[in-house]
Amino acid sequence: MCNYSNYKNTNKDIYSYGLAPFLGIQYLVSKNFSISIEPGIYFKCIRVIDHATFNPDNTTTWTESGLGKLGYIQLNFHF
């Protein structure tokens, strides 16, 4: 995933790069029923360049990571 934003009122360029693989977990309740969840794990790097300052160090960079889609639980019926 990749994103670029530029808000004219703040005069900042915002770049965002990331990766979001997912992990599937399935629990068989019986022969025909199962419960599954596919949580996503994301890693993201964000870079903000502030053009409204004369400071030569006008770039801020940080990283974020976490879990997403934890509330999506599927109840499955198998034929």
C-alpha atoms as a PDB file:
ATOM      1  CA  MET A   1       0.000   0.000   0.000  1.00  0.00           C
ATOM      2  CA  CYS A   2       1.229   3.447  -0.885  1.00  0.00           C
ATOM      3  CA  ASN A   3      -0.265   6.904  -0.302  1.00  0.00           C
ATOM      4  CA  TYR A   4       0.590  10.558  -1.020  1.00  0.00           C
ATOM      5  CA  SER A   5      -1.255  13.559   0.458  1.00  0.00           C
ATOM      6  CA  ASN A   6      -0.695  17.294   0.082  1.00  0.00           C
ATOM      7  CA  TYR A   7      -2.904  19.691   2.022  1.00  0.00           C
ATOM      8  CA  LYS A   8      -2.543  23.218   0.633  1.00  0.00           C
ATOM      9  CA  ASN A   9      -3.528  24.938   3.881  1.00  0.00           C
ATOM     10  CA  THR A  10      -0.653  23.294   5.818  1.00  0.00           C
ATOM     11  CA  ASN A  11       1.900  23.145   2.954  1.00  0.00           C
ATOM     12  CA  LYS A  12       3.083  19.633   3.875  1.00  0.00           C
ATOM     13  CA  ASP A  13       3.752  16.594   1.710  1.00  0.00           C
ATOM     14  CA  ILE A  14       2.804  13.313   3.398  1.00  0.00           C
ATOM     15  CA  TYR A  15       4.126  10.008   2.045  1.00  0.00           C
ATOM     16  CA  SER A  16       2.988   6.661   3.414  1.00  0.00           C
ATOM     17  CA  TYR A  17       4.355   3.217   2.489  1.00  0.00           C
ATOM     18  CA  GLY A  18       3.319  -0.082   3.974  1.00  0.00           C
ATOM     19  CA  LEU A  19       2.754  -3.801   3.848  1.00  0.00           C
ATOM     20  CA  ALA A  20      -0.324  -5.668   5.109  1.00  0.00           C
ATOM     21  CA  PRO A  21      -0.083  -9.474   4.973  1.00  0.00           C
ATOM     22  CA  PHE A  22      -2.821 -11.476   6.671  1.00  0.00           C
ATOM     23  CA  LEU A  23      -3.017 -14.674   8.692  1.00  0.00           C
ATOM     24  CA  GLY A  24      -5.918 -17.133   8.453  1.00  0.00           C
ATOM     25  CA  ILE A  25      -7.004 -19.147  11.493  1.00  0.00           C
ATOM     26  CA  GLN A  26      -9.746 -21.786  11.306  1.00  0.00           C
ATOM     27  CA  TYR A  27     -11.167 -23.882  14.156  1.00  0.00           C
ATOM     28  CA  LEU A  28     -13.247 -26.957  13.277  1.00  0.00           C
ATOM     29  CA  VAL A  29     -16.169 -27.151  15.713  1.00  0.00           C
ATOM     30  CA  SER A  30     -17.507 -30.359  14.090  1.00  0.00           C
ATOM     31  CA  LYS A  31     -17.317 -32.162  10.742  1.00  0.00           C
ATOM     32  CA  ASN A  32     -19.623 -29.591   9.048  1.00  0.00           C
ATOM     33  CA  PHE A  33     -19.068 -26.376  11.044  1.00  0.00           C
ATOM     34  CA  SER A  34     -16.049 -24.157  11.559  1.00  0.00           C
ATOM     35  CA  ILE A  35     -15.190 -20.695  12.856  1.00  0.00           C
ATOM     36  CA  SER A  36     -12.517 -18.648  11.099  1.00  0.00           C
ATOM     37  CA  ILE A  37     -10.838 -15.258  11.386  1.00  0.00           C
ATOM     38  CA  GLU A  38      -8.313 -13.525   9.102  1.00  0.00           C
ATOM     39  CA  PRO A  39      -6.575 -10.768  11.075  1.00  0.00           C
ATOM     40  CA  GLY A  40      -4.307  -8.446   9.129  1.00  0.00           C
ATOM     41  CA  ILE A  41      -0.876  -7.427  10.361  1.00  0.00           C
ATOM     42  CA  TYR A  42       0.298  -4.088   8.984  1.00  0.00           C
ATOM     43  CA  PHE A  43       3.649  -2.312   8.888  1.00  0.00           C
ATOM     44  CA  LYS A  44       3.656   1.314   7.752  1.00  0.00           C
ATOM     45  CA  CYS A  45       6.321   4.004   7.282  1.00  0.00           C
ATOM     46  CA  ILE A  46       5.176   7.643   7.203  1.00  0.00           C
ATOM     47  CA  ARG A  47       7.238  10.632   6.047  1.00  0.00           C
ATOM     48  CA  VAL A  48       6.091  14.263   6.391  1.00  0.00           C
ATOM     49  CA  ILE A  49       7.945  17.096   4.657  1.00  0.00           C
ATOM     50  CA  ASP A  50       7.045  20.562   5.980  1.00  0.00           C
ATOM     51  CA  HIS A  51       7.553  23.234   3.296  1.00  0.00           C
ATOM     52  CA  ALA A  52       6.235  26.031   5.553  1.00  0.00           C
ATOM     53  CA  THR A  53       9.455  26.261   7.589  1.00  0.00           C
ATOM     54  CA  PHE A  54      12.963  27.506   6.841  1.00  0.00           C
ATOM     55  CA  ASN A  55      14.454  24.845   9.098  1.00  0.00           C
ATOM     56  CA  PRO A  56      16.748  22.590   7.035  1.00  0.00           C
ATOM     57  CA  ASP A  57      15.559  19.607   9.092  1.00  0.00           C
ATOM     58  CA  ASN A  58      11.952  19.817   7.828  1.00  0.00           C
ATOM     59  CA  THR A  59      11.378  16.059   7.427  1.00  0.00           C
ATOM     60  CA  THR A  60       9.766  13.819  10.052  1.00  0.00           C
ATOM     61  CA  THR A  61       9.676  10.023   9.631  1.00  0.00           C
ATOM     62  CA  TRP A  62       8.123   7.342  11.832  1.00  0.00           C
ATOM     63  CA  THR A  63       6.838   3.766  11.593  1.00  0.00           C
ATOM     64  CA  GLU A  64       3.617   2.137  12.769  1.00  0.00           C
ATOM     65  CA  SER A  65       2.527  -1.475  13.087  1.00  0.00           C
ATOM     66  CA  GLY A  66      -0.505  -3.269  14.415  1.00  0.00           C
ATOM     67  CA  LEU A  67      -3.382  -5.669  13.878  1.00  0.00           C
ATOM     68  CA  GLY A  68      -6.475  -4.998  11.789  1.00  0.00           C
ATOM     69  CA  LYS A  69      -9.771  -6.745  10.954  1.00  0.00           C
ATOM     70  CA  LEU A  70      -9.971  -8.431  14.355  1.00  0.00           C
ATOM     71  CA  GLY A  71     -13.773  -8.127  14.482  1.00  0.00           C
ATOM     72  CA  TYR A  72     -14.458 -10.183  11.325  1.00  0.00           C
ATOM     73  CA  ILE A  73     -15.433 -13.649  12.533  1.00  0.00           C
ATOM     74  CA  GLN A  74     -16.863 -16.104  10.012  1.00  0.00           C
ATOM     75  CA  LEU A  75     -19.159 -19.015  10.791  1.00  0.00           C
ATOM     76  CA  ASN A  76     -18.770 -21.644   8.049  1.00  0.00           C
ATOM     77  CA  PHE A  77     -20.845 -24.664   6.984  1.00  0.00           C
ATOM     78  CA  HIS A  78     -19.039 -27.399   5.019  1.00  0.00           C
ATOM     79  CA  PHE A  79     -20.946 -29.806   2.746  1.00  0.00           C
END
